[in-house]
Amino acid sequence: KSEAAAVLAEALGGEVVNADAYQVYRGLDIGTAKPGPDMRARVRHHLF
């Protein structure tokens, strides 16, 4: 889902809003498969 959302938002001038109950937390990165710095640099991400 994260890659599809980033591709879609990047192509259409959109921004991503998180709807994952654990990706909102700081420090829970690897275990939540949180979008990485490269992906979040491509498009703006909210609520991570």
All heavy atoms as atom14 arrays in JSON, in Angstrom:
{
  "sequence": "KSEAAAVLAEALGGEVVNADAYQVYRGLDIGTAKPGPDMRARVRHHLF",
  "atom14_mask": [
    [1, 1, 1, 1, 1, 1, 1, 1, 1, 0, 0, 0, 0, 0],
    [1, 1, 1, 1, 1, 1, 0, 0, 0, 0, 0, 0, 0, 0],
    [1, 1, 1, 1, 1, 1, 1, 1, 1, 0, 0, 0, 0, 0],
    [1, 1, 1, 1, 1, 0, 0, 0, 0, 0, 0, 0, 0, 0],
    [1, 1, 1, 1, 1, 0, 0, 0, 0, 0, 0, 0, 0, 0],
    [1, 1, 1, 1, 1, 0, 0, 0, 0, 0, 0, 0, 0, 0],
    [1, 1, 1, 1, 1, 1, 1, 0, 0, 0, 0, 0, 0, 0],
    [1, 1, 1, 1, 1, 1, 1, 1, 0, 0, 0, 0, 0, 0],
    [1, 1, 1, 1, 1, 0, 0, 0, 0, 0, 0, 0, 0, 0],
    [1, 1, 1, 1, 1, 1, 1, 1, 1, 0, 0, 0, 0, 0],
    [1, 1, 1, 1, 1, 0, 0, 0, 0, 0, 0, 0, 0, 0],
    [1, 1, 1, 1, 1, 1, 1, 1, 0, 0, 0, 0, 0, 0],
    [1, 1, 1, 1, 0, 0, 0, 0, 0, 0, 0, 0, 0, 0],
    [1, 1, 1, 1, 0, 0, 0, 0, 0, 0, 0, 0, 0, 0],
    [1, 1, 1, 1, 1, 1, 1, 1, 1, 0, 0, 0, 0, 0],
    [1, 1, 1, 1, 1, 1, 1, 0, 0, 0, 0, 0, 0, 0],
    [1, 1, 1, 1, 1, 1, 1, 0, 0, 0, 0, 0, 0, 0],
    [1, 1, 1, 1, 1, 1, 1, 1, 0, 0, 0, 0, 0, 0],
    [1, 1, 1, 1, 1, 0, 0, 0, 0, 0, 0, 0, 0, 0],
    [1, 1, 1, 1, 1, 1, 1, 1, 0, 0, 0, 0, 0, 0],
    [1, 1, 1, 1, 1, 0, 0, 0, 0, 0, 0, 0, 0, 0],
    [1, 1, 1, 1, 1, 1, 1, 1, 1, 1, 1, 1, 0, 0],
    [1, 1, 1, 1, 1, 1, 1, 1, 1, 0, 0, 0, 0, 0],
    [1, 1, 1, 1, 1, 1, 1, 0, 0, 0, 0, 0, 0, 0],
    [1, 1, 1, 1, 1, 1, 1, 1, 1, 1, 1, 1, 0, 0],
    [1, 1, 1, 1, 1, 1, 1, 1, 1, 1, 1, 0, 0, 0],
    [1, 1, 1, 1, 0, 0, 0, 0, 0, 0, 0, 0, 0, 0],
    [1, 1, 1, 1, 1, 1, 1, 1, 0, 0, 0, 0, 0, 0],
    [1, 1, 1, 1, 1, 1, 1, 1, 0, 0, 0, 0, 0, 0],
    [1, 1, 1, 1, 1, 1, 1, 1, 0, 0, 0, 0, 0, 0],
    [1, 1, 1, 1, 0, 0, 0, 0, 0, 0, 0, 0, 0, 0],
    [1, 1, 1, 1, 1, 1, 1, 0, 0, 0, 0, 0, 0, 0],
    [1, 1, 1, 1, 1, 0, 0, 0, 0, 0, 0, 0, 0, 0],
    [1, 1, 1, 1, 1, 1, 1, 1, 1, 0, 0, 0, 0, 0],
    [1, 1, 1, 1, 1, 1, 1, 0, 0, 0, 0, 0, 0, 0],
    [1, 1, 1, 1, 0, 0, 0, 0, 0, 0, 0, 0, 0, 0],
    [1, 1, 1, 1, 1, 1, 1, 0, 0, 0, 0, 0, 0, 0],
    [1, 1, 1, 1, 1, 1, 1, 1, 0, 0, 0, 0, 0, 0],
    [1, 1, 1, 1, 1, 1, 1, 1, 0, 0, 0, 0, 0, 0],
    [1, 1, 1, 1, 1, 1, 1, 1, 1, 1, 1, 0, 0, 0],
    [1, 1, 1, 1, 1, 0, 0, 0, 0, 0, 0, 0, 0, 0],
    [1, 1, 1, 1, 1, 1, 1, 1, 1, 1, 1, 0, 0, 0],
    [1, 1, 1, 1, 1, 1, 1, 0, 0, 0, 0, 0, 0, 0],
    [1, 1, 1, 1, 1, 1, 1, 1, 1, 1, 1, 0, 0, 0],
    [1, 1, 1, 1, 1, 1, 1, 1, 1, 1, 0, 0, 0, 0],
    [1, 1, 1, 1, 1, 1, 1, 1, 1, 1, 0, 0, 0, 0],
    [1, 1, 1, 1, 1, 1, 1, 1, 0, 0, 0, 0, 0, 0],
    [1, 1, 1, 1, 1, 1, 1, 1, 1, 1, 1, 0, 0, 0]
  ],
  "atom14_positions": [
    [[0.82, -1.22, 0.0], [0.0, 0.0, 0.0], [0.85, 1.27, 0.0], [0.53, 2.24, -0.71], [-0.92, 0.01, 1.23], [-1.92, -1.12, 1.26], [-2.85, -1.03, 2.46], [-2.13, -1.15, 3.77], [-1.49, -2.49, 3.97], [0.0, 0.0, 0.0], [0.0, 0.0, 0.0], [0.0, 0.0, 0.0], [0.0, 0.0, 0.0], [0.0, 0.0, 0.0]],
    [[1.93, 1.29, 0.78], [2.74, 2.51, 0.9], [3.35, 2.91, -0.43], [3.34, 4.09, -0.81], [3.85, 2.31, 1.94], [3.3, 2.11, 3.23], [0.0, 0.0, 0.0], [0.0, 0.0, 0.0], [0.0, 0.0, 0.0], [0.0, 0.0, 0.0], [0.0, 0.0, 0.0], [0.0, 0.0, 0.0], [0.0, 0.0, 0.0], [0.0, 0.0, 0.0]],
    [[3.89, 1.93, -1.16], [4.5, 2.23, -2.46], [3.44, 2.69, -3.45], [3.65, 3.66, -4.2], [5.23, 1.0, -2.99], [5.82, 1.19, -4.39], [6.88, 2.28, -4.48], [7.49, 2.61, -3.44], [7.09, 2.8, -5.59], [0.0, 0.0, 0.0], [0.0, 0.0, 0.0], [0.0, 0.0, 0.0], [0.0, 0.0, 0.0], [0.0, 0.0, 0.0]],
    [[2.29, 2.02, -3.47], [1.22, 2.42, -4.39], [0.75, 3.83, -4.09], [0.53, 4.63, -5.01], [0.06, 1.43, -4.3], [0.0, 0.0, 0.0], [0.0, 0.0, 0.0], [0.0, 0.0, 0.0], [0.0, 0.0, 0.0], [0.0, 0.0, 0.0], [0.0, 0.0, 0.0], [0.0, 0.0, 0.0], [0.0, 0.0, 0.0], [0.0, 0.0, 0.0]],
    [[0.6, 4.17, -2.81], [0.15, 5.5, -2.44], [1.16, 6.56, -2.85], [0.8, 7.64, -3.34], [-0.11, 5.57, -0.93], [0.0, 0.0, 0.0], [0.0, 0.0, 0.0], [0.0, 0.0, 0.0], [0.0, 0.0, 0.0], [0.0, 0.0, 0.0], [0.0, 0.0, 0.0], [0.0, 0.0, 0.0], [0.0, 0.0, 0.0], [0.0, 0.0, 0.0]],
    [[2.46, 6.26, -2.66], [3.5, 7.22, -3.03], [3.55, 7.43, -4.54], [3.69, 8.56, -5.02], [4.85, 6.75, -2.51], [0.0, 0.0, 0.0], [0.0, 0.0, 0.0], [0.0, 0.0, 0.0], [0.0, 0.0, 0.0], [0.0, 0.0, 0.0], [0.0, 0.0, 0.0], [0.0, 0.0, 0.0], [0.0, 0.0, 0.0], [0.0, 0.0, 0.0]],
    [[3.44, 6.34, -5.3], [3.44, 6.44, -6.77], [2.27, 7.3, -7.23], [2.41, 8.19, -8.08], [3.39, 5.04, -7.4], [3.06, 5.12, -8.89], [4.73, 4.33, -7.21], [0.0, 0.0, 0.0], [0.0, 0.0, 0.0], [0.0, 0.0, 0.0], [0.0, 0.0, 0.0], [0.0, 0.0, 0.0], [0.0, 0.0, 0.0], [0.0, 0.0, 0.0]],
    [[1.1, 7.01, -6.68], [-0.11, 7.73, -7.07], [0.0, 9.21, -6.72], [-0.27, 10.09, -7.55], [-1.3, 7.08, -6.38], [-2.71, 7.39, -6.88], [-3.64, 6.24, -6.54], [-3.23, 8.67, -6.24], [0.0, 0.0, 0.0], [0.0, 0.0, 0.0], [0.0, 0.0, 0.0], [0.0, 0.0, 0.0], [0.0, 0.0, 0.0], [0.0, 0.0, 0.0]],
    [[0.41, 9.5, -5.48], [0.51, 10.88, -5.04], [1.57, 11.65, -5.83], [1.37, 12.82, -6.19], [0.83, 10.94, -3.54], [0.0, 0.0, 0.0], [0.0, 0.0, 0.0], [0.0, 0.0, 0.0], [0.0, 0.0, 0.0], [0.0, 0.0, 0.0], [0.0, 0.0, 0.0], [0.0, 0.0, 0.0], [0.0, 0.0, 0.0], [0.0, 0.0, 0.0]],
    [[2.69, 11.0, -6.1], [3.76, 11.66, -6.84], [3.31, 12.02, -8.25], [3.58, 13.12, -8.74], [4.98, 10.74, -6.88], [6.22, 11.38, -7.49], [7.43, 10.48, -7.4], [7.26, 9.24, -7.36], [8.55, 11.0, -7.35], [0.0, 0.0, 0.0], [0.0, 0.0, 0.0], [0.0, 0.0, 0.0], [0.0, 0.0, 0.0], [0.0, 0.0, 0.0]],
    [[2.6, 11.11, -8.9], [2.19, 11.34, -10.28], [1.06, 12.36, -10.39], [0.97, 13.08, -11.39], [1.75, 10.02, -10.91], [0.0, 0.0, 0.0], [0.0, 0.0, 0.0], [0.0, 0.0, 0.0], [0.0, 0.0, 0.0], [0.0, 0.0, 0.0], [0.0, 0.0, 0.0], [0.0, 0.0, 0.0], [0.0, 0.0, 0.0], [0.0, 0.0, 0.0]],
    [[0.22, 12.44, -9.36], [-0.98, 13.28, -9.44], [-0.9, 14.53, -8.58], [-1.9, 15.25, -8.43], [-2.21, 12.45, -9.03], [-2.48, 11.21, -9.89], [-3.67, 10.43, -9.34], [-2.72, 11.6, -11.34], [0.0, 0.0, 0.0], [0.0, 0.0, 0.0], [0.0, 0.0, 0.0], [0.0, 0.0, 0.0], [0.0, 0.0, 0.0], [0.0, 0.0, 0.0]],
    [[0.27, 14.8, -8.03], [0.41, 16.01, -7.21], [-0.35, 15.92, -5.91], [-0.92, 16.93, -5.44], [0.0, 0.0, 0.0], [0.0, 0.0, 0.0], [0.0, 0.0, 0.0], [0.0, 0.0, 0.0], [0.0, 0.0, 0.0], [0.0, 0.0, 0.0], [0.0, 0.0, 0.0], [0.0, 0.0, 0.0], [0.0, 0.0, 0.0], [0.0, 0.0, 0.0]],
    [[-0.36, 14.74, -5.31], [-1.1, 14.54, -4.07], [-0.2, 14.41, -2.87], [1.02, 14.5, -2.97], [0.0, 0.0, 0.0], [0.0, 0.0, 0.0], [0.0, 0.0, 0.0], [0.0, 0.0, 0.0], [0.0, 0.0, 0.0], [0.0, 0.0, 0.0], [0.0, 0.0, 0.0], [0.0, 0.0, 0.0], [0.0, 0.0, 0.0], [0.0, 0.0, 0.0]],
    [[-0.82, 14.2, -1.71], [-0.1, 14.01, -0.46], [-0.73, 12.84, 0.29], [-1.94, 12.61, 0.19], [-0.12, 15.29, 0.39], [0.57, 16.46, -0.3], [0.54, 17.75, 0.51], [0.1, 17.72, 1.69], [0.96, 18.79, -0.04], [0.0, 0.0, 0.0], [0.0, 0.0, 0.0], [0.0, 0.0, 0.0], [0.0, 0.0, 0.0], [0.0, 0.0, 0.0]],
    [[0.09, 12.1, 1.04], [-0.35, 10.88, 1.69], [-0.72, 11.16, 3.15], [0.01, 11.85, 3.87], [0.75, 9.81, 1.63], [0.34, 8.55, 2.4], [1.08, 9.46, 0.17], [0.0, 0.0, 0.0], [0.0, 0.0, 0.0], [0.0, 0.0, 0.0], [0.0, 0.0, 0.0], [0.0, 0.0, 0.0], [0.0, 0.0, 0.0], [0.0, 0.0, 0.0]],
    [[-1.85, 10.59, 3.58], [-2.29, 10.68, 4.98], [-2.31, 9.27, 5.56], [-2.93, 8.37, 5.0], [-3.7, 11.3, 5.08], [-4.15, 11.35, 6.54], [-3.7, 12.7, 4.48], [0.0, 0.0, 0.0], [0.0, 0.0, 0.0], [0.0, 0.0, 0.0], [0.0, 0.0, 0.0], [0.0, 0.0, 0.0], [0.0, 0.0, 0.0], [0.0, 0.0, 0.0]],
    [[-1.63, 9.08, 6.68], [-1.49, 7.77, 7.29], [-2.79, 7.28, 7.93], [-3.48, 8.04, 8.63], [-0.4, 7.82, 8.36], [-0.22, 6.51, 9.09], [-0.33, 5.45, 8.51], [0.05, 6.6, 10.39], [0.0, 0.0, 0.0], [0.0, 0.0, 0.0], [0.0, 0.0, 0.0], [0.0, 0.0, 0.0], [0.0, 0.0, 0.0], [0.0, 0.0, 0.0]],
    [[-3.12, 5.99, 7.71], [-4.23, 5.34, 8.39], [-3.77, 4.0, 8.95], [-4.44, 2.99, 8.82], [-5.41, 5.15, 7.45], [0.0, 0.0, 0.0], [0.0, 0.0, 0.0], [0.0, 0.0, 0.0], [0.0, 0.0, 0.0], [0.0, 0.0, 0.0], [0.0, 0.0, 0.0], [0.0, 0.0, 0.0], [0.0, 0.0, 0.0], [0.0, 0.0, 0.0]],
    [[-2.59, 4.01, 9.56], [-2.04, 2.82, 10.22], [-1.86, 3.15, 11.7], [-1.19, 4.13, 12.05], [-0.7, 2.43, 9.6], [-0.11, 1.17, 10.22], [0.36, 1.26, 11.38], [-0.12, 0.12, 9.57], [0.0, 0.0, 0.0], [0.0, 0.0, 0.0], [0.0, 0.0, 0.0], [0.0, 0.0, 0.0], [0.0, 0.0, 0.0], [0.0, 0.0, 0.0]],
    [[-2.44, 2.33, 12.55], [-2.49, 2.64, 13.98], [-1.13, 2.62, 14.67], [-0.98, 3.17, 15.76], [-3.44, 1.67, 14.68], [0.0, 0.0, 0.0], [0.0, 0.0, 0.0], [0.0, 0.0, 0.0], [0.0, 0.0, 0.0], [0.0, 0.0, 0.0], [0.0, 0.0, 0.0], [0.0, 0.0, 0.0], [0.0, 0.0, 0.0], [0.0, 0.0, 0.0]],
    [[-0.12, 1.99, 14.05], [1.19, 1.91, 14.68], [2.23, 2.81, 14.02], [3.22, 3.19, 14.67], [1.68, 0.45, 14.71], [0.99, -0.35, 15.79], [-0.2, -1.02, 15.53], [1.5, -0.41, 17.08], [-0.86, -1.74, 16.52], [0.86, -1.12, 18.08], [-0.33, -1.78, 17.8], [-0.97, -2.47, 18.79], [0.0, 0.0, 0.0], [0.0, 0.0, 0.0]],
    [[2.03, 3.18, 12.78], [3.0, 4.06, 12.12], [2.93, 5.5, 12.62], [3.77, 6.31, 12.28], [2.8, 4.01, 10.61], [3.2, 2.66, 10.01], [3.03, 2.6, 8.5], [2.36, 3.42, 7.9], [3.64, 1.6, 7.87], [0.0, 0.0, 0.0], [0.0, 0.0, 0.0], [0.0, 0.0, 0.0], [0.0, 0.0, 0.0], [0.0, 0.0, 0.0]],
    [[1.95, 5.79, 13.46], [1.88, 7.13, 14.06], [2.95, 7.32, 15.12], [3.3, 8.45, 15.47], [0.49, 7.39, 14.7], [-0.61, 7.37, 13.66], [0.19, 6.39, 15.82], [0.0, 0.0, 0.0], [0.0, 0.0, 0.0], [0.0, 0.0, 0.0], [0.0, 0.0, 0.0], [0.0, 0.0, 0.0], [0.0, 0.0, 0.0], [0.0, 0.0, 0.0]],
    [[3.53, 6.21, 15.64], [4.44, 6.29, 16.77], [5.89, 6.52, 16.35], [6.39, 5.86, 15.44], [4.37, 5.01, 17.61], [3.05, 4.83, 18.32], [2.13, 3.89, 17.87], [2.73, 5.61, 19.43], [0.91, 3.72, 18.52], [1.52, 5.45, 20.08], [0.62, 4.52, 19.63], [-0.59, 4.36, 20.26], [0.0, 0.0, 0.0], [0.0, 0.0, 0.0]],
    [[6.54, 7.41, 17.05], [7.97, 7.64, 16.84], [8.75, 6.42, 17.32], [8.46, 5.85, 18.36], [8.44, 8.88, 17.6], [7.72, 10.16, 17.22], [8.3, 11.37, 17.97], [7.52, 12.56, 17.71], [6.58, 13.04, 18.53], [6.34, 12.41, 19.68], [5.9, 14.12, 18.22], [0.0, 0.0, 0.0], [0.0, 0.0, 0.0], [0.0, 0.0, 0.0]],
    [[9.75, 6.05, 16.55], [10.62, 4.96, 16.96], [10.17, 3.59, 16.53], [10.96, 2.64, 16.56], [0.0, 0.0, 0.0], [0.0, 0.0, 0.0], [0.0, 0.0, 0.0], [0.0, 0.0, 0.0], [0.0, 0.0, 0.0], [0.0, 0.0, 0.0], [0.0, 0.0, 0.0], [0.0, 0.0, 0.0], [0.0, 0.0, 0.0], [0.0, 0.0, 0.0]],
    [[8.91, 3.44, 16.13], [8.42, 2.16, 15.62], [8.53, 2.21, 14.1], [7.58, 2.57, 13.4], [6.98, 1.9, 16.06], [6.78, 1.28, 17.45], [7.14, 2.29, 18.53], [5.34, 0.81, 17.62], [0.0, 0.0, 0.0], [0.0, 0.0, 0.0], [0.0, 0.0, 0.0], [0.0, 0.0, 0.0], [0.0, 0.0, 0.0], [0.0, 0.0, 0.0]],
    [[9.69, 1.88, 13.59], [9.99, 2.07, 12.17], [10.1, 0.75, 11.42], [9.3, 0.46, 10.54], [11.29, 2.87, 12.02], [11.21, 4.24, 12.69], [10.14, 4.87, 12.64], [12.23, 4.66, 13.27], [0.0, 0.0, 0.0], [0.0, 0.0, 0.0], [0.0, 0.0, 0.0], [0.0, 0.0, 0.0], [0.0, 0.0, 0.0], [0.0, 0.0, 0.0]],
    [[11.09, -0.05, 11.79], [11.31, -1.31, 11.08], [10.11, -2.24, 11.24], [9.6, -2.8, 10.27], [12.6, -1.99, 11.58], [13.82, -1.11, 11.3], [12.77, -3.36, 10.92], [15.11, -1.63, 11.91], [0.0, 0.0, 0.0], [0.0, 0.0, 0.0], [0.0, 0.0, 0.0], [0.0, 0.0, 0.0], [0.0, 0.0, 0.0], [0.0, 0.0, 0.0]],
    [[9.65, -2.38, 12.46], [8.58, -3.33, 12.74], [7.23, -2.96, 12.18], [6.35, -3.82, 12.07], [0.0, 0.0, 0.0], [0.0, 0.0, 0.0], [0.0, 0.0, 0.0], [0.0, 0.0, 0.0], [0.0, 0.0, 0.0], [0.0, 0.0, 0.0], [0.0, 0.0, 0.0], [0.0, 0.0, 0.0], [0.0, 0.0, 0.0], [0.0, 0.0, 0.0]],
    [[7.03, -1.7, 11.82], [5.76, -1.28, 11.22], [5.86, -1.11, 9.72], [4.88, -0.72, 9.08], [5.28, 0.05, 11.84], [6.21, 1.1, 11.52], [5.11, -0.06, 13.34], [0.0, 0.0, 0.0], [0.0, 0.0, 0.0], [0.0, 0.0, 0.0], [0.0, 0.0, 0.0], [0.0, 0.0, 0.0], [0.0, 0.0, 0.0], [0.0, 0.0, 0.0]],
    [[7.04, -1.39, 9.16], [7.27, -1.19, 7.72], [6.89, 0.23, 7.32], [6.28, 0.46, 6.28], [6.5, -2.22, 6.89], [0.0, 0.0, 0.0], [0.0, 0.0, 0.0], [0.0, 0.0, 0.0], [0.0, 0.0, 0.0], [0.0, 0.0, 0.0], [0.0, 0.0, 0.0], [0.0, 0.0, 0.0], [0.0, 0.0, 0.0], [0.0, 0.0, 0.0]],
    [[7.29, 1.16, 8.15], [6.98, 2.58, 7.91], [7.68, 3.06, 6.63], [8.81, 2.65, 6.35], [7.46, 3.41, 9.11], [6.96, 4.84, 9.16], [7.47, 5.51, 10.44], [6.85, 4.93, 11.67], [7.37, 5.56, 12.92], [0.0, 0.0, 0.0], [0.0, 0.0, 0.0], [0.0, 0.0, 0.0], [0.0, 0.0, 0.0], [0.0, 0.0, 0.0]],
    [[7.02, 3.91, 5.83], [7.7, 4.46, 4.65], [9.04, 5.09, 5.04], [9.12, 5.85, 6.0], [6.71, 5.52, 4.14], [5.38, 5.06, 4.63], [5.64, 4.42, 5.96], [0.0, 0.0, 0.0], [0.0, 0.0, 0.0], [0.0, 0.0, 0.0], [0.0, 0.0, 0.0], [0.0, 0.0, 0.0], [0.0, 0.0, 0.0], [0.0, 0.0, 0.0]],
    [[10.08, 4.76, 4.28], [11.41, 5.25, 4.6], [11.66, 6.66, 4.12], [10.81, 7.28, 3.47], [0.0, 0.0, 0.0], [0.0, 0.0, 0.0], [0.0, 0.0, 0.0], [0.0, 0.0, 0.0], [0.0, 0.0, 0.0], [0.0, 0.0, 0.0], [0.0, 0.0, 0.0], [0.0, 0.0, 0.0], [0.0, 0.0, 0.0], [0.0, 0.0, 0.0]],
    [[12.83, 7.2, 4.44], [13.16, 8.59, 4.09], [13.07, 8.87, 2.59], [12.6, 9.94, 2.19], [14.59, 8.77, 4.6], [14.75, 7.73, 5.65], [13.91, 6.57, 5.23], [0.0, 0.0, 0.0], [0.0, 0.0, 0.0], [0.0, 0.0, 0.0], [0.0, 0.0, 0.0], [0.0, 0.0, 0.0], [0.0, 0.0, 0.0], [0.0, 0.0, 0.0]],
    [[13.49, 7.92, 1.76], [13.44, 8.14, 0.32], [12.01, 8.3, -0.17], [11.7, 9.21, -0.95], [14.12, 6.99, -0.43], [15.63, 6.95, -0.2], [16.17, 7.97, 0.27], [16.24, 5.91, -0.48], [0.0, 0.0, 0.0], [0.0, 0.0, 0.0], [0.0, 0.0, 0.0], [0.0, 0.0, 0.0], [0.0, 0.0, 0.0], [0.0, 0.0, 0.0]],
    [[11.13, 7.43, 0.3], [9.73, 7.5, -0.12], [9.08, 8.78, 0.39], [8.34, 9.45, -0.34], [8.96, 6.28, 0.39], [7.52, 6.21, -0.11], [6.65, 4.73, 0.49], [7.55, 3.43, -0.38], [0.0, 0.0, 0.0], [0.0, 0.0, 0.0], [0.0, 0.0, 0.0], [0.0, 0.0, 0.0], [0.0, 0.0, 0.0], [0.0, 0.0, 0.0]],
    [[9.4, 9.15, 1.62], [8.77, 10.34, 2.2], [9.35, 11.62, 1.63], [8.75, 12.7, 1.74], [8.89, 10.28, 3.72], [8.0, 9.18, 4.29], [8.36, 8.77, 5.7], [7.93, 9.73, 6.68], [8.0, 9.53, 8.0], [8.47, 8.38, 8.45], [7.61, 10.44, 8.84], [0.0, 0.0, 0.0], [0.0, 0.0, 0.0], [0.0, 0.0, 0.0]],
    [[10.52, 11.51, 0.99], [11.09, 12.67, 0.3], [10.42, 12.89, -1.05], [10.42, 14.0, -1.58], [12.6, 12.5, 0.13], [0.0, 0.0, 0.0], [0.0, 0.0, 0.0], [0.0, 0.0, 0.0], [0.0, 0.0, 0.0], [0.0, 0.0, 0.0], [0.0, 0.0, 0.0], [0.0, 0.0, 0.0], [0.0, 0.0, 0.0], [0.0, 0.0, 0.0]],
    [[9.86, 11.82, -1.62], [9.23, 11.93, -2.94], [7.92, 12.73, -2.87], [7.63, 13.53, -3.76], [8.94, 10.53, -3.49], [10.18, 9.8, -3.97], [9.96, 8.3, -4.07], [8.76, 7.93, -4.8], [8.3, 6.68, -4.86], [8.92, 5.72, -4.2], [7.22, 6.41, -5.57], [0.0, 0.0, 0.0], [0.0, 0.0, 0.0], [0.0, 0.0, 0.0]],
    [[7.14, 12.46, -1.82], [5.87, 13.17, -1.64], [5.7, 13.46, -0.15], [6.29, 12.79, 0.7], [4.66, 12.34, -2.13], [4.71, 12.13, -3.63], [4.57, 11.01, -1.4], [0.0, 0.0, 0.0], [0.0, 0.0, 0.0], [0.0, 0.0, 0.0], [0.0, 0.0, 0.0], [0.0, 0.0, 0.0], [0.0, 0.0, 0.0], [0.0, 0.0, 0.0]],
    [[4.87, 14.44, 0.16], [4.64, 14.8, 1.55], [3.74, 13.75, 2.21], [2.73, 13.33, 1.65], [3.99, 16.18, 1.65], [3.84, 16.68, 3.08], [3.33, 18.11, 3.1], [3.11, 18.56, 4.46], [2.59, 19.75, 4.77], [2.26, 20.6, 3.8], [2.4, 20.09, 6.03], [0.0, 0.0, 0.0], [0.0, 0.0, 0.0], [0.0, 0.0, 0.0]],
    [[4.13, 13.31, 3.41], [3.37, 12.34, 4.19], [2.9, 13.0, 5.49], [3.68, 13.69, 6.16], [4.23, 11.12, 4.53], [4.43, 10.17, 3.38], [5.12, 10.51, 2.24], [4.02, 8.88, 3.21], [5.13, 9.47, 1.42], [4.48, 8.47, 1.97], [0.0, 0.0, 0.0], [0.0, 0.0, 0.0], [0.0, 0.0, 0.0], [0.0, 0.0, 0.0]],
    [[1.65, 12.75, 5.86], [1.06, 13.3, 7.07], [0.75, 12.2, 8.09], [0.41, 11.08, 7.71], [-0.25, 14.03, 6.75], [-0.11, 15.17, 5.8], [-0.08, 16.49, 6.21], [0.0, 15.19, 4.45], [0.03, 17.28, 5.13], [0.08, 16.51, 4.07], [0.0, 0.0, 0.0], [0.0, 0.0, 0.0], [0.0, 0.0, 0.0], [0.0, 0.0, 0.0]],
    [[0.84, 12.55, 9.39], [0.45, 11.69, 10.51], [1.36, 10.48, 10.7], [0.93, 9.43, 11.17], [-1.01, 11.25, 10.4], [-2.06, 12.35, 10.23], [-3.47, 11.78, 10.38], [-1.84, 13.5, 11.19], [0.0, 0.0, 0.0], [0.0, 0.0, 0.0], [0.0, 0.0, 0.0], [0.0, 0.0, 0.0], [0.0, 0.0, 0.0], [0.0, 0.0, 0.0]],
    [[2.61, 10.62, 10.34], [3.62, 9.64, 10.69], [4.51, 10.25, 11.77], [4.8, 11.46, 11.74], [4.49, 9.27, 9.48], [3.75, 8.51, 8.41], [3.04, 9.19, 7.43], [3.78, 7.13, 8.37], [2.36, 8.51, 6.44], [3.11, 6.44, 7.38], [2.39, 7.12, 6.41], [0.0, 0.0, 0.0], [0.0, 0.0, 0.0], [0.0, 0.0, 0.0]]
  ]
}
